[in-house]
Protein backbone atom coordinates (compact mmCIF):
# COMPACT_ATOMS: atom_id res chain seq x y z
CA MET A 1 -29.28 -9.70 32.57
CA SER A 2 -31.33 -10.82 29.07
CA ASP A 3 -29.61 -11.26 25.60
CA GLU A 4 -32.53 -11.02 23.62
CA TYR A 5 -32.73 -8.79 20.82
CA VAL A 6 -34.79 -8.11 18.09
CA ASN A 7 -33.92 -7.23 14.44
CA ASN A 8 -36.59 -4.80 12.62
CA TYR A 9 -34.54 -4.51 9.51
CA VAL A 10 -36.77 -5.05 6.20
CA PRO A 11 -34.91 -4.80 3.03
CA PRO A 12 -36.14 -2.41 0.54
CA ASP A 13 -38.74 -3.26 -2.30
CA SER A 14 -36.35 -2.97 -4.90
CA PRO A 15 -33.60 -5.70 -5.52
CA GLY A 16 -31.60 -3.05 -6.68
CA THR A 17 -29.08 -2.34 -9.81
CA GLY A 18 -25.93 -4.58 -8.26
CA ASN A 19 -23.95 -0.68 -8.90
CA PRO A 20 -22.81 0.30 -5.47
CA PHE A 21 -22.97 3.96 -7.21
CA ILE A 22 -26.65 3.53 -8.70
CA PRO A 23 -29.01 2.35 -5.82
CA ARG A 24 -31.80 1.93 -8.34
CA ILE A 25 -33.43 3.68 -11.49
CA LEU A 26 -35.95 6.56 -10.58
CA PRO A 27 -39.04 7.13 -12.21
CA ASP A 28 -38.64 9.64 -15.31
CA SER A 29 -40.17 12.53 -12.36
CA GLU A 30 -36.84 12.31 -10.25
CA LEU A 31 -34.61 12.04 -13.07
CA TYR A 32 -33.65 15.47 -12.93
CA GLY A 33 -33.65 16.68 -9.18
CA PRO A 34 -36.23 19.37 -7.99
CA SER A 35 -36.80 22.70 -9.94
CA PRO A 36 -35.41 25.12 -9.23
CA TYR A 37 -32.21 22.41 -9.03
CA ASP A 38 -30.96 22.38 -5.10
CA ILE A 39 -27.40 21.50 -5.07
CA ASN A 40 -27.69 21.00 -1.83
CA PHE A 41 -24.46 21.34 -0.65
CA SER A 42 -23.59 22.06 2.87
CA TYR A 43 -20.42 24.37 2.22
CA PRO A 44 -20.60 27.76 -0.30
CA ILE A 45 -19.69 27.97 -2.95
CA HIS A 46 -16.68 30.32 -3.93
CA LYS A 47 -16.94 30.77 -8.27
CA GLN A 48 -13.57 33.33 -8.21
CA THR A 49 -11.38 30.25 -6.90
CA LEU A 50 -13.06 27.63 -8.75
CA GLU A 51 -12.10 29.49 -12.07
CA SER A 52 -8.85 30.20 -14.00
CA ASP A 53 -8.41 31.91 -17.37
CA ARG A 54 -8.90 28.58 -19.01
CA LEU A 55 -11.15 26.78 -17.39
CA LYS A 56 -14.21 27.09 -14.66
CA LEU A 57 -16.08 24.79 -12.23
CA THR A 58 -19.53 25.47 -11.94
CA PRO A 59 -22.28 23.07 -10.14
CA PHE A 60 -23.25 20.27 -12.29
CA ILE A 61 -26.90 21.00 -13.33
CA PRO A 62 -28.42 17.52 -15.06
CA SER A 63 -31.32 19.61 -17.32
CA VAL A 64 -28.37 21.94 -18.28
CA HIS A 65 -25.05 19.69 -18.62
CA VAL A 66 -26.44 16.01 -18.97
CA GLU A 67 -27.45 16.14 -22.75
CA THR A 68 -23.70 17.45 -23.78
CA TYR A 69 -22.30 14.85 -21.72
CA TRP A 70 -24.04 12.34 -22.83
CA LYS A 71 -22.53 12.65 -26.34
CA HIS A 72 -19.49 12.34 -25.58
CA VAL A 73 -20.24 9.25 -22.62
CA GLN A 74 -22.75 7.16 -25.20
CA GLY A 75 -21.10 4.46 -27.12
CA ASN A 76 -17.50 5.01 -25.10
CA ALA A 77 -18.86 4.21 -21.45
CA LEU A 78 -16.51 0.62 -21.42
CA GLU A 79 -13.29 2.70 -22.68
CA LEU A 80 -14.55 6.04 -20.47
CA PHE A 81 -15.02 3.99 -17.21
CA ARG A 82 -12.70 1.08 -17.56
CA TYR A 83 -10.71 2.08 -14.58
CA TYR A 84 -13.74 3.12 -12.69
CA PRO A 85 -15.46 0.91 -9.85
CA PHE A 86 -18.40 1.01 -11.79
CA LEU A 87 -20.28 1.38 -15.09
CA ILE A 88 -22.33 3.91 -15.78
CA SER A 89 -24.28 2.75 -19.79
CA THR A 90 -27.01 4.53 -20.02
CA LEU A 91 -28.48 7.98 -19.29
CA PRO A 92 -31.59 7.18 -16.61
CA GLU A 93 -28.51 5.36 -14.72
CA MET A 94 -26.64 8.31 -14.61
CA LEU A 95 -29.16 10.81 -13.93
CA SER A 96 -29.84 8.56 -11.15
CA ALA A 97 -26.37 8.27 -10.00
CA ILE A 98 -26.54 12.00 -9.45
CA GLU A 99 -30.02 12.49 -7.90
CA LEU A 100 -29.04 9.54 -5.26
CA SER A 101 -25.57 9.38 -4.79
CA LEU A 102 -24.49 12.91 -5.57
CA ARG A 103 -26.88 15.39 -4.92
CA ARG A 104 -29.21 14.20 -1.89
CA HIS A 105 -25.74 14.25 0.25
CA PRO A 106 -24.80 17.45 1.59
CA HIS A 107 -21.28 17.07 1.97
CA THR A 108 -21.22 15.25 -2.00
CA ILE A 109 -20.89 17.97 -4.76
CA LEU A 110 -20.50 17.06 -8.36
CA PHE A 111 -19.06 19.71 -10.64
CA ALA A 112 -19.17 20.75 -14.54
CA VAL A 113 -15.78 21.60 -16.29
CA ILE A 114 -16.02 24.31 -18.64
CA ASP A 115 -13.19 24.83 -21.15
CA LYS A 116 -12.83 28.50 -21.64
CA THR A 117 -10.75 28.33 -24.77
CA ARG A 118 -13.53 26.62 -26.83
CA PRO A 119 -16.91 28.58 -27.37
CA ASP A 120 -19.51 26.23 -27.49
CA PRO A 121 -21.74 27.93 -30.06
CA ALA A 122 -25.04 25.74 -29.06
CA HIS A 123 -24.11 26.93 -25.46
CA PRO A 124 -22.86 31.08 -25.49
CA ASP A 125 -24.31 31.45 -22.18
CA TRP A 126 -21.32 28.72 -20.75
CA ALA A 127 -18.97 31.24 -21.66
CA GLY A 128 -16.79 27.97 -23.20
CA SER A 129 -17.26 24.13 -23.71
CA LEU A 130 -18.25 21.50 -21.66
CA ALA A 131 -14.84 19.49 -20.82
CA GLY A 132 -15.83 16.54 -18.13
CA ILE A 133 -16.82 16.01 -14.64
CA VAL A 134 -15.10 16.17 -11.24
CA ALA A 135 -16.40 15.33 -8.11
CA LEU A 136 -16.00 16.35 -4.28
CA ASP A 137 -16.96 13.00 -2.52
CA ASP A 138 -16.44 11.33 0.77
CA THR A 139 -16.32 14.30 2.84
CA ALA A 140 -16.03 14.47 6.61
CA PRO A 141 -16.71 17.48 7.51
CA GLN A 142 -15.34 16.52 11.19
CA LYS A 143 -12.22 15.54 9.85
CA LEU A 144 -11.86 18.43 7.83
CA SER A 145 -11.41 16.04 4.47
CA THR A 146 -12.65 14.97 1.16
CA GLU A 147 -11.84 13.14 -2.19
CA ILE A 148 -11.74 14.23 -5.50
CA GLY A 149 -13.56 11.65 -7.18
CA PHE A 150 -16.14 10.68 -10.63
CA VAL A 151 -13.22 12.09 -12.47
CA LEU A 152 -13.72 12.08 -15.96
CA VAL A 153 -12.12 14.06 -18.68
CA PHE A 154 -13.32 14.02 -22.54
CA ARG A 155 -11.58 12.31 -25.26
CA GLU A 156 -11.54 15.19 -27.02
CA PHE A 157 -9.91 17.37 -23.62
CA HIS A 158 -6.55 14.76 -22.88
CA ARG A 159 -3.02 16.43 -23.57
CA THR A 160 -4.51 19.87 -22.51
CA HIS A 161 -4.29 22.61 -19.89
CA VAL A 162 -7.94 21.00 -18.67
CA ALA A 163 -7.05 18.30 -16.27
CA LYS A 164 -4.31 20.35 -14.43
CA ASN A 165 -6.88 23.17 -14.41
CA MET A 166 -9.35 21.05 -12.67
CA VAL A 167 -7.94 19.42 -10.16
CA GLY A 168 -5.65 22.59 -9.06
CA LEU A 169 -8.88 24.77 -8.91
CA LEU A 170 -10.05 22.00 -6.64
CA LEU A 171 -7.37 21.53 -4.49
CA ARG A 172 -7.26 25.68 -4.37
CA TYR A 173 -11.06 25.17 -3.08
CA ALA A 174 -10.38 22.38 -0.51
CA LEU A 175 -7.57 23.73 1.00
CA ASN A 176 -7.40 27.55 0.97
CA LEU A 177 -8.77 29.25 4.00
CA PRO A 178 -12.12 30.95 4.45
CA SER A 179 -9.72 33.82 5.40
CA ALA A 180 -7.59 33.55 2.28
CA PRO A 181 -7.83 36.13 -0.51
CA LEU A 182 -9.50 33.23 -2.59
CA PRO A 183 -11.40 31.56 -0.27
CA GLY A 184 -11.61 27.91 0.06
CA LEU A 185 -12.90 25.57 2.68
CA GLY A 186 -9.93 24.87 4.75
CA PHE A 187 -10.04 21.41 4.59
CA ARG A 188 -7.26 19.42 6.24
CA ARG A 189 -6.88 16.47 3.92
CA VAL A 190 -7.47 15.87 0.18
CA SER A 191 -7.75 12.23 -0.98
CA TRP A 192 -7.57 10.72 -4.18
CA GLY A 193 -8.14 6.99 -5.29
CA ALA A 194 -7.16 5.03 -8.57
CA HIS A 195 -7.24 2.08 -9.97
CA PRO A 196 -3.32 0.42 -9.73
CA GLU A 197 -2.88 0.17 -13.56
CA ASN A 198 -4.52 3.60 -14.05
CA ALA A 199 -0.75 5.00 -14.44
CA ALA A 200 -2.48 8.57 -16.06
CA SER A 201 -4.31 9.43 -13.70
CA ILE A 202 -1.65 8.07 -10.45
CA GLY A 203 0.63 10.44 -12.80
CA LEU A 204 -1.70 13.26 -13.02
CA ALA A 205 -2.11 13.36 -9.05
CA LYS A 206 1.44 13.34 -8.52
CA ARG A 207 1.87 15.80 -10.92
CA MET A 208 -0.37 18.18 -9.03
CA GLY A 209 1.56 17.53 -5.55
CA PHE A 210 -0.38 14.40 -4.39
CA LYS A 211 1.78 11.97 -2.63
CA GLN A 212 1.03 7.93 -2.66
CA GLU A 213 0.64 6.54 0.55
CA GLY A 214 -0.14 3.09 0.39
CA LEU A 215 -2.69 0.42 -1.43
CA LEU A 216 -5.54 -0.36 -0.11
CA ARG A 217 -6.78 -4.26 -0.96
CA TRP A 218 -9.95 -4.96 -2.14
CA THR A 219 -11.79 -1.78 -1.80
CA TRP A 220 -14.38 -2.28 -4.34
CA VAL A 221 -16.25 -5.48 -6.08
CA LEU A 222 -16.70 -4.62 -10.02
CA SER A 223 -19.52 -5.31 -12.10
CA ASP A 224 -19.34 -8.09 -14.88
CA ALA A 225 -18.29 -5.74 -17.77
CA LEU A 226 -15.22 -4.64 -15.82
CA SER A 227 -14.65 -7.70 -14.70
CA PRO A 228 -10.99 -7.87 -16.90
CA ALA A 229 -9.60 -4.89 -15.05
CA GLY A 230 -9.91 -6.77 -11.67
CA LYS A 231 -8.66 -9.87 -9.77
CA LYS A 232 -10.87 -12.80 -9.12
CA GLY A 233 -13.10 -12.63 -6.53
CA ARG A 234 -13.64 -15.39 -3.09
CA LYS A 235 -15.46 -18.68 -4.45
CA GLY A 236 -18.75 -18.65 -1.63
CA ASP A 237 -19.02 -15.30 -1.14
CA ALA A 238 -22.21 -12.96 -2.02
CA PHE A 239 -20.31 -12.24 -5.17
CA GLU A 240 -18.04 -15.01 -6.07
CA ASP A 241 -18.94 -14.38 -9.56
CA ARG A 242 -17.83 -10.84 -9.74
CA SER A 243 -14.01 -9.80 -9.71
CA GLY A 244 -12.18 -7.26 -7.51
CA ARG A 245 -10.11 -4.32 -7.54
CA ASP A 246 -7.53 -2.45 -5.04
CA SER A 247 -6.88 1.81 -4.73
CA VAL A 248 -3.91 3.06 -5.02
CA VAL A 249 -3.96 6.30 -2.52
CA LEU A 250 -2.54 9.50 -2.30
CA SER A 251 -3.22 12.73 -0.54
CA VAL A 252 -2.38 16.30 -0.12
CA CYS A 253 -2.61 17.45 3.13
CA TRP A 254 -2.66 21.07 4.25
CA ASP A 255 0.79 21.39 6.08
CA GLU A 256 2.47 20.53 2.23
CA TRP A 257 0.21 23.07 0.69
CA GLU A 258 1.43 25.74 2.90
CA ALA A 259 4.79 24.57 2.52
CA GLY A 260 4.96 24.50 -1.35
CA THR A 261 2.17 22.33 -2.73
CA ALA A 262 -0.08 25.70 -3.29
CA GLU A 263 2.67 27.09 -5.23
CA LEU A 264 3.00 23.97 -7.30
CA VAL A 265 -0.73 24.23 -8.47
CA GLU A 266 -1.18 28.19 -9.39
CA THR A 267 1.94 27.54 -10.73
CA ALA A 268 0.49 25.09 -13.40
CA ILE A 269 -2.91 26.77 -13.31
CA VAL A 270 -1.08 30.35 -14.45
CA TRP A 271 1.59 28.68 -16.44
CA ARG A 272 1.16 29.43 -20.86
CA SER A 273 3.12 29.42 -23.64
CA GLU A 274 4.86 32.73 -24.94
CA SER A 275 4.13 32.24 -28.10
CA ASN A 276 0.22 31.43 -28.14
CA GLY A 277 -0.87 31.81 -24.21
CA ASP A 278 -1.67 28.09 -24.20
CA THR A 279 -1.30 26.41 -20.63
CA LEU A 280 1.44 23.82 -21.12
CA SER A 281 1.26 20.12 -19.75
CA SER A 282 4.15 18.72 -17.79
CA GLU A 283 5.41 17.28 -21.35
CA SER A 284 5.45 20.78 -22.84
CA SER A 285 8.12 22.96 -23.86
CA GLY A 286 7.73 26.61 -24.25
CA ILE A 287 8.73 29.64 -22.36
CA PRO A 288 6.41 30.98 -19.50
CA LYS A 289 5.17 34.95 -19.55
CA THR A 290 6.73 36.80 -16.86
CA THR A 291 3.96 36.28 -13.66
CA VAL A 292 2.99 37.63 -10.32
CA SER A 293 0.33 35.64 -8.71
CA THR A 294 -1.01 36.19 -4.89
CA MET A 295 -1.55 32.85 -3.16
CA GLY A 296 -4.15 31.62 -0.93
CA SER A 297 -2.60 30.33 1.54
CA THR A 298 0.34 31.91 4.01
CA PHE A 299 2.77 31.97 1.14
CA SER A 300 3.09 35.64 -0.36
CA SER A 301 3.14 36.89 -3.85
CA TYR A 302 5.77 34.78 -6.04
CA ARG A 303 7.59 35.32 -9.66
CA LEU A 304 8.20 33.63 -12.73
CA LEU A 305 11.43 35.28 -13.87
CA VAL A 306 12.03 34.10 -17.54
CA SER A 307 13.38 34.92 -20.70
CA SER A 308 15.06 33.75 -24.37
CA ASN A 309 16.45 30.02 -24.22
CA SER A 310 16.01 29.64 -20.29
CA ARG A 311 14.03 26.98 -17.89
CA LEU A 312 12.99 27.74 -14.79
CA VAL A 313 14.42 26.13 -11.26
CA PRO A 314 12.90 26.95 -7.25
CA TYR A 315 15.31 29.09 -5.35
CA HIS A 316 15.15 30.58 -2.07
CA ASN A 317 15.79 34.10 -0.83
CA GLY A 318 16.03 33.95 2.61
CA SER A 319 12.65 34.79 3.31
CA SER A 320 8.94 32.70 3.58
CA ARG A 321 8.65 33.40 -0.30
CA ARG A 322 9.72 30.79 -3.64
CA PHE A 323 11.19 32.56 -6.40
CA TYR A 324 11.78 30.91 -9.80
CA LYS A 325 15.08 32.14 -11.29
CA ARG A 326 16.47 31.90 -14.92
CA CYS A 327 19.07 29.23 -15.91
CA VAL A 328 19.92 29.70 -19.67
CA SER A 329 20.28 26.04 -20.99
């Protein structure tokens, strides 16, 4: 038996950009994708599941959203992307990344995050302002798993309801069953990766029910601009002059979702201040309004029972329902 073989691999004509998220810069004619814009996503978009009273997620369309996106990012890229594994510093790079690394992969989608509490006079058809972007990527249909990635909330929307609603809506969309009142994709696992020093990202994930699983070591090779956020690489390898980084891995799985995380997330989405209706962050204080919400999971409805000078604590009444009762401070 002969052990002879051939290797007909031919390297691409373009040397590439050195950025794993931007294989190459596209010509101008391809930067904005096809027209009409084809999101090329292998799953249904359940609009009602991807929207709350305060926020909505809608597919990111470069010709519609990228100009406003770039106004927020331009000049701040190094600060905004310092904990990312890659840096996008020009508009052609951003458009090429969306087209090559997101749109052309049918199990990946990028969403525009629209804050419905802040109208944008320049875009009244949005019914709000662009507050950031977020993606579902690294999806494995055969494993019923996906990852929330490319998370970016603009500075003007920090410390508001935006981040928690954004993550909550995506979890609801990914983990709810297709047969639920608010239908989802029925995945079994949603993961979240973060730079080990990015306490804000890790903290947000944990507040939204993610559990930390561990540390994946040497998961990324960083660009020169991001080297200060990494650790020194290996001398003699293909990228010896570029640093690397680890990734903290967190996840929410279907059994946790149905055992209480769905309620935690729904509470984060609907929780508002009694005085002005603003959504509360976990650090905020205030009295939530009485709310009845039907979950898109195996849980039944639950209630928030409140009155003046009270706080909420969970309790069980012996059924499959979880309630929140009033405790006077």
